[in-house]
Structure formats: C-alpha cells, structure tokens
Amino acid sequence: MGDLVRYPDNTESRIVSGAGAALSHNGQPMAIVGSATDNGDTIVSSLQSSGQIREYADDDGIPGLLQPDYQVVKPD
C-alpha cells in the first residue's frame, strides 16, 4: 500500500488497501487484485498470476484484508 497506480493519461492514484496480514513487506500490506485506490478505483487485474490468498468461510478471516490504511502488527 502506498504505491502509485499510473493511468494511460499519466495521472496517478495511491493504493490504499491490500492483502492485510496475509502478505506484507516492511509492515505494509501488498497490493492485490481488489485493492482500492484513493480516487475510488479498484485494481482489477495483475501481470502476476501464480500466487493466491484464500480466506475460508469457517475461519476468523484475514486481519486487514482489503481494509484501507491497515498496518500489519508485528509480533514482539
């Protein structure tokens, strides 16, 4: 999150949601398909297709998944 999306007209928008606690780098959730941007758009495709994040209905869910501005809490 925090990275920029660049559009064909050279405008940019900041990514504000991501994979939550399932996948992060330096405490920031990684952007995934479904991530939102600060202008209200949603990432709908990716060049990367080999990874998956699964959330099961009978589980508590993934903390921060697609929640805007979520910060990953690192255990002590």
PDB file of N, CA and C in Angstrom:
ATOM      1  N   MET A   1       0.841  -1.161   0.000  1.00  0.00           N
ATOM      2  CA  MET A   1       0.000   0.000   0.000  1.00  0.00           C
ATOM      3  C   MET A   1       0.891   1.229   0.000  1.00  0.00           C
ATOM      4  N   GLY A   2       0.359   2.281  -0.556  1.00  0.00           N
ATOM      5  CA  GLY A   2       1.136   3.497  -0.666  1.00  0.00           C
ATOM      6  C   GLY A   2       1.779   3.651  -2.025  1.00  0.00           C
ATOM      7  N   ASP A   3       1.916   2.540  -2.752  1.00  0.00           N
ATOM      8  CA  ASP A   3       2.447   2.628  -4.110  1.00  0.00           C
ATOM      9  C   ASP A   3       1.445   3.347  -4.995  1.00  0.00           C
ATOM     10  N   LEU A   4       1.931   3.773  -6.144  1.00  0.00           N
ATOM     11  CA  LEU A   4       1.086   4.524  -7.065  1.00  0.00           C
ATOM     12  C   LEU A   4       0.650   3.681  -8.249  1.00  0.00           C
ATOM     13  N   VAL A   5      -0.564   3.929  -8.690  1.00  0.00           N
ATOM     14  CA  VAL A   5      -1.074   3.389  -9.947  1.00  0.00           C
ATOM     15  C   VAL A   5      -0.955   4.521 -10.953  1.00  0.00           C
ATOM     16  N   ARG A   6      -0.382   4.240 -12.101  1.00  0.00           N
ATOM     17  CA  ARG A   6      -0.277   5.263 -13.147  1.00  0.00           C
ATOM     18  C   ARG A   6      -1.222   4.895 -14.279  1.00  0.00           C
ATOM     19  N   TYR A   7      -2.027   5.856 -14.682  1.00  0.00           N
ATOM     20  CA  TYR A   7      -3.024   5.670 -15.732  1.00  0.00           C
ATOM     21  C   TYR A   7      -2.460   6.086 -17.088  1.00  0.00           C
ATOM     22  N   PRO A   8      -3.076   5.652 -18.176  1.00  0.00           N
ATOM     23  CA  PRO A   8      -2.591   5.996 -19.521  1.00  0.00           C
ATOM     24  C   PRO A   8      -2.469   7.505 -19.769  1.00  0.00           C
ATOM     25  N   ASP A   9      -3.268   8.315 -19.071  1.00  0.00           N
ATOM     26  CA  ASP A   9      -3.175   9.772 -19.252  1.00  0.00           C
ATOM     27  C   ASP A   9      -2.127  10.399 -18.334  1.00  0.00           C
ATOM     28  N   ASN A  10      -1.286   9.554 -17.684  1.00  0.00           N
ATOM     29  CA  ASN A  10      -0.200   9.946 -16.782  1.00  0.00           C
ATOM     30  C   ASN A  10      -0.662  10.480 -15.433  1.00  0.00           C
ATOM     31  N   THR A  11      -1.951  10.401 -15.099  1.00  0.00           N
ATOM     32  CA  THR A  11      -2.377  10.729 -13.747  1.00  0.00           C
ATOM     33  C   THR A  11      -2.038   9.550 -12.846  1.00  0.00           C
ATOM     34  N   GLU A  12      -1.980   9.804 -11.538  1.00  0.00           N
ATOM     35  CA  GLU A  12      -1.617   8.768 -10.583  1.00  0.00           C
ATOM     36  C   GLU A  12      -2.616   8.727  -9.437  1.00  0.00           C
ATOM     37  N   SER A  13      -2.699   7.574  -8.792  1.00  0.00           N
ATOM     38  CA  SER A  13      -3.550   7.381  -7.631  1.00  0.00           C
ATOM     39  C   SER A  13      -2.816   6.457  -6.664  1.00  0.00           C
ATOM     40  N   ARG A  14      -2.929   6.710  -5.358  1.00  0.00           N
ATOM     41  CA  ARG A  14      -2.242   5.919  -4.340  1.00  0.00           C
ATOM     42  C   ARG A  14      -3.087   4.701  -3.959  1.00  0.00           C
ATOM     43  N   ILE A  15      -2.444   3.536  -3.839  1.00  0.00           N
ATOM     44  CA  ILE A  15      -3.121   2.312  -3.401  1.00  0.00           C
ATOM     45  C   ILE A  15      -3.329   2.401  -1.890  1.00  0.00           C
ATOM     46  N   VAL A  16      -4.572   2.175  -1.425  1.00  0.00           N
ATOM     47  CA  VAL A  16      -4.893   2.362  -0.011  1.00  0.00           C
ATOM     48  C   VAL A  16      -5.317   1.084   0.712  1.00  0.00           C
ATOM     49  N   SER A  17      -5.464  -0.027   0.010  1.00  0.00           N
ATOM     50  CA  SER A  17      -5.798  -1.288   0.685  1.00  0.00           C
ATOM     51  C   SER A  17      -5.032  -2.431   0.030  1.00  0.00           C
ATOM     52  N   GLY A  18      -4.935  -3.550   0.761  1.00  0.00           N
ATOM     53  CA  GLY A  18      -4.160  -4.658   0.216  1.00  0.00           C
ATOM     54  C   GLY A  18      -4.460  -5.974   0.912  1.00  0.00           C
ATOM     55  N   ALA A  19      -3.452  -6.837   0.960  1.00  0.00           N
ATOM     56  CA  ALA A  19      -3.603  -8.208   1.440  1.00  0.00           C
ATOM     57  C   ALA A  19      -3.671  -8.338   2.957  1.00  0.00           C
ATOM     58  N   GLY A  20      -3.580  -7.237   3.669  1.00  0.00           N
ATOM     59  CA  GLY A  20      -3.638  -7.301   5.129  1.00  0.00           C
ATOM     60  C   GLY A  20      -2.490  -8.117   5.693  1.00  0.00           C
ATOM     61  N   ALA A  21      -2.773  -8.888   6.739  1.00  0.00           N
ATOM     62  CA  ALA A  21      -1.742  -9.688   7.404  1.00  0.00           C
ATOM     63  C   ALA A  21      -1.307 -10.898   6.583  1.00  0.00           C
ATOM     64  N   ALA A  22      -2.014 -11.220   5.505  1.00  0.00           N
ATOM     65  CA  ALA A  22      -1.685 -12.400   4.697  1.00  0.00           C
ATOM     66  C   ALA A  22      -0.391 -12.237   3.917  1.00  0.00           C
ATOM     67  N   LEU A  23      -0.067 -11.016   3.498  1.00  0.00           N
ATOM     68  CA  LEU A  23       1.114 -10.783   2.669  1.00  0.00           C
ATOM     69  C   LEU A  23       1.531  -9.333   2.829  1.00  0.00           C
ATOM     70  N   SER A  24       2.739  -9.124   3.384  1.00  0.00           N
ATOM     71  CA  SER A  24       3.192  -7.756   3.615  1.00  0.00           C
ATOM     72  C   SER A  24       4.689  -7.633   3.378  1.00  0.00           C
ATOM     73  N   HIS A  25       5.137  -6.386   3.274  1.00  0.00           N
ATOM     74  CA  HIS A  25       6.554  -6.063   3.121  1.00  0.00           C
ATOM     75  C   HIS A  25       6.817  -4.807   3.937  1.00  0.00           C
ATOM     76  N   ASN A  26       7.763  -4.884   4.867  1.00  0.00           N
ATOM     77  CA  ASN A  26       8.097  -3.759   5.746  1.00  0.00           C
ATOM     78  C   ASN A  26       6.869  -3.192   6.455  1.00  0.00           C
ATOM     79  N   GLY A  27       5.968  -4.063   6.896  1.00  0.00           N
ATOM     80  CA  GLY A  27       4.799  -3.643   7.650  1.00  0.00           C
ATOM     81  C   GLY A  27       3.652  -3.102   6.826  1.00  0.00           C
ATOM     82  N   GLN A  28       3.799  -3.094   5.514  1.00  0.00           N
ATOM     83  CA  GLN A  28       2.746  -2.601   4.629  1.00  0.00           C
ATOM     84  C   GLN A  28       2.144  -3.767   3.851  1.00  0.00           C
ATOM     85  N   PRO A  29       0.818  -3.914   3.866  1.00  0.00           N
ATOM     86  CA  PRO A  29       0.195  -4.967   3.063  1.00  0.00           C
ATOM     87  C   PRO A  29       0.497  -4.784   1.576  1.00  0.00           C
ATOM     88  N   MET A  30       0.716  -5.881   0.885  1.00  0.00           N
ATOM     89  CA  MET A  30       0.967  -5.836  -0.557  1.00  0.00           C
ATOM     90  C   MET A  30      -0.346  -5.612  -1.296  1.00  0.00           C
ATOM     91  N   ALA A  31      -0.264  -4.885  -2.403  1.00  0.00           N
ATOM     92  CA  ALA A  31      -1.441  -4.674  -3.245  1.00  0.00           C
ATOM     93  C   ALA A  31      -1.801  -5.983  -3.936  1.00  0.00           C
ATOM     94  N   ILE A  32      -3.089  -6.224  -4.063  1.00  0.00           N
ATOM     95  CA  ILE A  32      -3.599  -7.412  -4.743  1.00  0.00           C
ATOM     96  C   ILE A  32      -4.790  -7.001  -5.610  1.00  0.00           C
ATOM     97  N   VAL A  33      -5.217  -7.909  -6.473  1.00  0.00           N
ATOM     98  CA  VAL A  33      -6.445  -7.651  -7.226  1.00  0.00           C
ATOM     99  C   VAL A  33      -7.564  -7.448  -6.202  1.00  0.00           C
ATOM    100  N   GLY A  34      -8.292  -6.369  -6.326  1.00  0.00           N
ATOM    101  CA  GLY A  34      -9.322  -5.998  -5.359  1.00  0.00           C
ATOM    102  C   GLY A  34      -8.911  -4.826  -4.491  1.00  0.00           C
ATOM    103  N   SER A  35      -7.601  -4.487  -4.491  1.00  0.00           N
ATOM    104  CA  SER A  35      -7.135  -3.333  -3.724  1.00  0.00           C
ATOM    105  C   SER A  35      -7.758  -2.052  -4.258  1.00  0.00           C
ATOM    106  N   ALA A  36      -8.032  -1.127  -3.341  1.00  0.00           N
ATOM    107  CA  ALA A  36      -8.632   0.157  -3.704  1.00  0.00           C
ATOM    108  C   ALA A  36      -7.562   1.239  -3.817  1.00  0.00           C
ATOM    109  N   THR A  37      -7.876   2.268  -4.583  1.00  0.00           N
ATOM    110  CA  THR A  37      -7.005   3.438  -4.687  1.00  0.00           C
ATOM    111  C   THR A  37      -7.714   4.638  -4.073  1.00  0.00           C
ATOM    112  N   ASP A  38      -6.935   5.695  -3.807  1.00  0.00           N
ATOM    113  CA  ASP A  38      -7.522   6.855  -3.138  1.00  0.00           C
ATOM    114  C   ASP A  38      -8.493   7.650  -4.007  1.00  0.00           C
ATOM    115  N   ASN A  39      -8.587   7.327  -5.284  1.00  0.00           N
ATOM    116  CA  ASN A  39      -9.577   8.008  -6.129  1.00  0.00           C
ATOM    117  C   ASN A  39     -10.840   7.162  -6.317  1.00  0.00           C
ATOM    118  N   GLY A  40     -10.921   6.025  -5.602  1.00  0.00           N
ATOM    119  CA  GLY A  40     -12.111   5.181  -5.662  1.00  0.00           C
ATOM    120  C   GLY A  40     -12.045   4.036  -6.651  1.00  0.00           C
ATOM    121  N   ASP A  41     -10.982   3.950  -7.442  1.00  0.00           N
ATOM    122  CA  ASP A  41     -10.834   2.838  -8.381  1.00  0.00           C
ATOM    123  C   ASP A  41     -10.417   1.571  -7.634  1.00  0.00           C
ATOM    124  N   THR A  42     -10.542   0.444  -8.302  1.00  0.00           N
ATOM    125  CA  THR A  42     -10.152  -0.851  -7.758  1.00  0.00           C
ATOM    126  C   THR A  42      -9.241  -1.550  -8.752  1.00  0.00           C
ATOM    127  N   ILE A  43      -8.162  -2.180  -8.253  1.00  0.00           N
ATOM    128  CA  ILE A  43      -7.278  -2.958  -9.119  1.00  0.00           C
ATOM    129  C   ILE A  43      -8.045  -4.197  -9.572  1.00  0.00           C
ATOM    130  N   VAL A  44      -8.163  -4.379 -10.883  1.00  0.00           N
ATOM    131  CA  VAL A  44      -8.990  -5.466 -11.420  1.00  0.00           C
ATOM    132  C   VAL A  44      -8.192  -6.558 -12.122  1.00  0.00           C
ATOM    133  N   SER A  45      -6.885  -6.357 -12.320  1.00  0.00           N
ATOM    134  CA  SER A  45      -6.072  -7.394 -12.953  1.00  0.00           C
ATOM    135  C   SER A  45      -4.622  -7.212 -12.534  1.00  0.00           C
ATOM    136  N   SER A  46      -3.817  -8.240 -12.799  1.00  0.00           N
ATOM    137  CA  SER A  46      -2.404  -8.215 -12.442  1.00  0.00           C
ATOM    138  C   SER A  46      -1.616  -9.035 -13.451  1.00  0.00           C
ATOM    139  N   LEU A  47      -0.371  -8.662 -13.659  1.00  0.00           N
ATOM    140  CA  LEU A  47       0.510  -9.466 -14.504  1.00  0.00           C
ATOM    141  C   LEU A  47       0.961 -10.728 -13.766  1.00  0.00           C
ATOM    142  N   GLN A  48       0.889 -10.720 -12.434  1.00  0.00           N
ATOM    143  CA  GLN A  48       1.274 -11.853 -11.606  1.00  0.00           C
ATOM    144  C   GLN A  48       0.060 -12.757 -11.437  1.00  0.00           C
ATOM    145  N   SER A  49       0.228 -14.034 -11.719  1.00  0.00           N
ATOM    146  CA  SER A  49      -0.917 -14.941 -11.604  1.00  0.00           C
ATOM    147  C   SER A  49      -0.589 -16.243 -10.879  1.00  0.00           C
ATOM    148  N   SER A  50       0.581 -16.336 -10.259  1.00  0.00           N
ATOM    149  CA  SER A  50       0.960 -17.611  -9.654  1.00  0.00           C
ATOM    150  C   SER A  50       0.625 -17.709  -8.173  1.00  0.00           C
ATOM    151  N   GLY A  51       0.359 -16.594  -7.504  1.00  0.00           N
ATOM    152  CA  GLY A  51       0.062 -16.636  -6.078  1.00  0.00           C
ATOM    153  C   GLY A  51      -1.423 -16.530  -5.799  1.00  0.00           C
ATOM    154  N   GLN A  52      -1.819 -17.041  -4.643  1.00  0.00           N
ATOM    155  CA  GLN A  52      -3.218 -16.966  -4.222  1.00  0.00           C
ATOM    156  C   GLN A  52      -3.279 -16.668  -2.739  1.00  0.00           C
ATOM    157  N   ILE A  53      -4.312 -15.952  -2.341  1.00  0.00           N
ATOM    158  CA  ILE A  53      -4.636 -15.759  -0.933  1.00  0.00           C
ATOM    159  C   ILE A  53      -6.044 -16.302  -0.759  1.00  0.00           C
ATOM    160  N   ARG A  54      -6.203 -17.227   0.172  1.00  0.00           N
ATOM    161  CA  ARG A  54      -7.521 -17.836   0.384  1.00  0.00           C
ATOM    162  C   ARG A  54      -8.045 -17.452   1.759  1.00  0.00           C
ATOM    163  N   GLU A  55      -9.302 -17.087   1.788  1.00  0.00           N
ATOM    164  CA  GLU A  55      -9.985 -16.802   3.044  1.00  0.00           C
ATOM    165  C   GLU A  55     -11.175 -17.753   3.124  1.00  0.00           C
ATOM    166  N   TYR A  56     -11.224 -18.556   4.185  1.00  0.00           N
ATOM    167  CA  TYR A  56     -12.260 -19.579   4.312  1.00  0.00           C
ATOM    168  C   TYR A  56     -13.438 -19.068   5.137  1.00  0.00           C
ATOM    169  N   ALA A  57     -14.637 -19.465   4.765  1.00  0.00           N
ATOM    170  CA  ALA A  57     -15.862 -19.010   5.421  1.00  0.00           C
ATOM    171  C   ALA A  57     -15.933 -19.434   6.885  1.00  0.00           C
ATOM    172  N   ASP A  58     -15.346 -20.582   7.234  1.00  0.00           N
ATOM    173  CA  ASP A  58     -15.426 -21.067   8.612  1.00  0.00           C
ATOM    174  C   ASP A  58     -14.240 -20.625   9.469  1.00  0.00           C
ATOM    175  N   ASP A  59     -13.470 -19.657   9.000  1.00  0.00           N
ATOM    176  CA  ASP A  59     -12.319 -19.124   9.727  1.00  0.00           C
ATOM    177  C   ASP A  59     -12.645 -17.699  10.177  1.00  0.00           C
ATOM    178  N   ASP A  60     -11.793 -17.138  11.017  1.00  0.00           N
ATOM    179  CA  ASP A  60     -11.999 -15.771  11.507  1.00  0.00           C
ATOM    180  C   ASP A  60     -11.711 -14.711  10.453  1.00  0.00           C
ATOM    181  N   GLY A  61     -11.103 -15.090   9.362  1.00  0.00           N
ATOM    182  CA  GLY A  61     -10.774 -14.129   8.314  1.00  0.00           C
ATOM    183  C   GLY A  61      -9.351 -13.608   8.452  1.00  0.00           C
ATOM    184  N   ILE A  62      -8.900 -12.921   7.444  1.00  0.00           N
ATOM    185  CA  ILE A  62      -7.545 -12.377   7.404  1.00  0.00           C
ATOM    186  C   ILE A  62      -7.594 -10.946   7.917  1.00  0.00           C
ATOM    187  N   PRO A  63      -6.888 -10.657   9.010  1.00  0.00           N
ATOM    188  CA  PRO A  63      -6.893  -9.289   9.530  1.00  0.00           C
ATOM    189  C   PRO A  63      -6.426  -8.289   8.470  1.00  0.00           C
ATOM    190  N   GLY A  64      -7.204  -7.250   8.269  1.00  0.00           N
ATOM    191  CA  GLY A  64      -6.821  -6.169   7.365  1.00  0.00           C
ATOM    192  C   GLY A  64      -7.032  -6.420   5.893  1.00  0.00           C
ATOM    193  N   LEU A  65      -7.575  -7.571   5.508  1.00  0.00           N
ATOM    194  CA  LEU A  65      -7.740  -7.875   4.085  1.00  0.00           C
ATOM    195  C   LEU A  65      -8.626  -6.828   3.419  1.00  0.00           C
ATOM    196  N   LEU A  66      -8.043  -6.096   2.474  1.00  0.00           N
ATOM    197  CA  LEU A  66      -8.706  -5.047   1.690  1.00  0.00           C
ATOM    198  C   LEU A  66      -9.294  -3.926   2.547  1.00  0.00           C
ATOM    199  N   GLN A  67      -8.779  -3.752   3.773  1.00  0.00           N
ATOM    200  CA  GLN A  67      -9.201  -2.645   4.635  1.00  0.00           C
ATOM    201  C   GLN A  67      -8.271  -1.458   4.402  1.00  0.00           C
ATOM    202  N   PRO A  68      -8.812  -0.304   4.034  1.00  0.00           N
ATOM    203  CA  PRO A  68      -7.971   0.867   3.761  1.00  0.00           C
ATOM    204  C   PRO A  68      -7.068   1.230   4.938  1.00  0.00           C
ATOM    205  N   ASP A  69      -5.805   1.531   4.616  1.00  0.00           N
ATOM    206  CA  ASP A  69      -4.789   2.026   5.552  1.00  0.00           C
ATOM    207  C   ASP A  69      -4.473   1.079   6.708  1.00  0.00           C
ATOM    208  N   TYR A  70      -4.735  -0.220   6.550  1.00  0.00           N
ATOM    209  CA  TYR A  70      -4.395  -1.208   7.572  1.00  0.00           C
ATOM    210  C   TYR A  70      -2.880  -1.308   7.704  1.00  0.00           C
ATOM    211  N   GLN A  71      -2.378  -1.356   8.934  1.00  0.00           N
ATOM    212  CA  GLN A  71      -0.960  -1.544   9.211  1.00  0.00           C
ATOM    213  C   GLN A  71      -0.767  -2.915   9.839  1.00  0.00           C
ATOM    214  N   VAL A  72       0.167  -3.689   9.330  1.00  0.00           N
ATOM    215  CA  VAL A  72       0.449  -5.021   9.861  1.00  0.00           C
ATOM    216  C   VAL A  72       1.123  -4.869  11.220  1.00  0.00           C
ATOM    217  N   VAL A  73       0.611  -5.577  12.215  1.00  0.00           N
ATOM    218  CA  VAL A  73       1.192  -5.559  13.551  1.00  0.00           C
ATOM    219  C   VAL A  73       2.185  -6.701  13.639  1.00  0.00           C
ATOM    220  N   LYS A  74       3.449  -6.355  13.886  1.00  0.00           N
ATOM    221  CA  LYS A  74       4.487  -7.381  14.002  1.00  0.00           C
ATOM    222  C   LYS A  74       4.532  -7.893  15.437  1.00  0.00           C
ATOM    223  N   PRO A  75       4.563  -9.224  15.627  1.00  0.00           N
ATOM    224  CA  PRO A  75       4.646  -9.766  16.991  1.00  0.00           C
ATOM    225  C   PRO A  75       5.990  -9.436  17.621  1.00  0.00           C
ATOM    226  N   ASP A  76       5.990  -9.281  18.944  1.00  0.00           N
ATOM    227  CA  ASP A  76       7.243  -8.975  19.667  1.00  0.00           C
ATOM    228  C   ASP A  76       8.120 -10.177  19.808  1.00  0.00           C
TER     229      ASP A  76
END
